[in-house]
C-alpha atoms as a PDB file:
ATOM      1  CA  MET A   1     -17.564  26.331  33.696  1.00  0.00           C
ATOM      2  CA  THR A   2     -19.555  27.748  30.787  1.00  0.00           C
ATOM      3  CA  ARG A   3     -16.466  28.112  28.610  1.00  0.00           C
ATOM      4  CA  PHE A   4     -15.406  24.564  29.402  1.00  0.00           C
ATOM      5  CA  ALA A   5     -18.860  23.200  28.532  1.00  0.00           C
ATOM      6  CA  HIS A   6     -18.921  25.181  25.292  1.00  0.00           C
ATOM      7  CA  ALA A   7     -15.451  24.007  24.271  1.00  0.00           C
ATOM      8  CA  TYR A   8     -16.164  20.321  24.959  1.00  0.00           C
ATOM      9  CA  ARG A   9     -19.863  20.147  24.050  1.00  0.00           C
ATOM     10  CA  PRO A  10     -19.510  17.316  21.463  1.00  0.00           C
ATOM     11  CA  GLN A  11     -18.046  15.039  24.149  1.00  0.00           C
ATOM     12  CA  LEU A  12     -19.997  16.426  27.099  1.00  0.00           C
ATOM     13  CA  THR A  13     -22.876  14.609  28.786  1.00  0.00           C
ATOM     14  CA  PHE A  14     -24.890  16.275  31.528  1.00  0.00           C
ATOM     15  CA  VAL A  15     -25.940  13.991  34.352  1.00  0.00           C
ATOM     16  CA  GLY A  16     -28.290  15.242  37.033  1.00  0.00           C
ATOM     17  CA  ARG A  17     -30.976  14.067  39.394  1.00  0.00           C
ATOM     18  CA  PHE A  18     -34.325  13.474  37.765  1.00  0.00           C
ATOM     19  CA  TYR A  19     -37.257  12.004  39.625  1.00  0.00           C
ATOM     20  CA  GLY A  20     -39.368   9.325  37.952  1.00  0.00           C
ATOM     21  CA  ASN A  21     -42.635  10.492  39.465  1.00  0.00           C
ATOM     22  CA  VAL A  22     -42.552  14.164  38.386  1.00  0.00           C
ATOM     23  CA  ASN A  23     -45.553  15.729  36.669  1.00  0.00           C
ATOM     24  CA  LEU A  24     -44.594  17.089  33.264  1.00  0.00           C
ATOM     25  CA  TYR A  25     -46.812  19.276  31.085  1.00  0.00           C
ATOM     26  CA  HIS A  26     -46.831  20.644  27.547  1.00  0.00           C
ATOM     27  CA  SER A  27     -46.796  24.401  27.051  1.00  0.00           C
ATOM     28  CA  PRO A  28     -50.146  26.068  27.680  1.00  0.00           C
ATOM     29  CA  PRO A  29     -52.332  26.849  24.666  1.00  0.00           C
ATOM     30  CA  LYS A  30     -52.526  30.375  23.311  1.00  0.00           C
ATOM     31  CA  TYR A  31     -54.663  32.728  25.375  1.00  0.00           C
ATOM     32  CA  SER A  32     -58.143  32.958  23.883  1.00  0.00           C
ATOM     33  CA  GLY A  33     -58.845  36.333  25.469  1.00  0.00           C
ATOM     34  CA  THR A  34     -61.554  35.252  27.911  1.00  0.00           C
ATOM     35  CA  GLY A  35     -61.028  34.297  31.526  1.00  0.00           C
ATOM     36  CA  ARG A  36     -57.770  33.520  33.255  1.00  0.00           C
ATOM     37  CA  PRO A  37     -54.962  32.259  30.974  1.00  0.00           C
ATOM     38  CA  ARG A  38     -53.855  28.693  31.527  1.00  0.00           C
ATOM     39  CA  VAL A  39     -50.542  28.068  33.255  1.00  0.00           C
ATOM     40  CA  LYS A  40     -50.107  24.420  32.225  1.00  0.00           C
ATOM     41  CA  GLY A  41     -50.869  22.556  29.049  1.00  0.00           C
ATOM     42  CA  GLU A  42     -51.841  18.925  28.579  1.00  0.00           C
ATOM     43  CA  ARG A  43     -50.196  16.386  30.873  1.00  0.00           C
ATOM     44  CA  LYS A  44     -47.239  14.405  29.506  1.00  0.00           C
ATOM     45  CA  PRO A  45     -46.546  10.842  30.663  1.00  0.00           C
ATOM     46  CA  LYS A  46     -44.290  10.488  33.680  1.00  0.00           C
ATOM     47  CA  PRO A  47     -40.734   9.263  32.992  1.00  0.00           C
ATOM     48  CA  GLU A  48     -41.518   6.232  35.141  1.00  0.00           C
ATOM     49  CA  GLU A  49     -44.414   5.343  32.807  1.00  0.00           C
ATOM     50  CA  LEU A  50     -42.236   5.759  29.724  1.00  0.00           C
ATOM     51  CA  VAL A  51     -39.584   3.421  31.099  1.00  0.00           C
ATOM     52  CA  GLN A  52     -42.242   0.802  31.829  1.00  0.00           C
ATOM     53  CA  THR A  53     -43.560   0.947  28.265  1.00  0.00           C
ATOM     54  CA  LYS A  54     -40.083   0.883  26.684  1.00  0.00           C
ATOM     55  CA  ARG A  55     -38.479  -1.854  28.787  1.00  0.00           C
ATOM     56  CA  GLY A  56     -41.414  -3.748  30.200  1.00  0.00           C
ATOM     57  CA  PRO A  57     -42.807  -4.201  33.711  1.00  0.00           C
ATOM     58  CA  GLN A  58     -39.567  -5.607  35.221  1.00  0.00           C
ATOM     59  CA  THR A  59     -37.903  -2.165  35.434  1.00  0.00           C
ATOM     60  CA  LYS A  60     -38.309  -0.346  38.755  1.00  0.00           C
ATOM     61  CA  PHE A  61     -37.280   3.079  40.001  1.00  0.00           C
END
């Protein structure tokens, strides 16, 4: 499968399940050296919110 994907990568499109209400985060900031290091960074907008802003309120998931 990997060889096939590599050979046809210009024409290949990956389609998979992606939920609109997932919580996405940026990478955590660099560790400052005090306390417990952060696991998550700042929150990114949900895909559902991005679709609403791009297409308007008529789009539903």
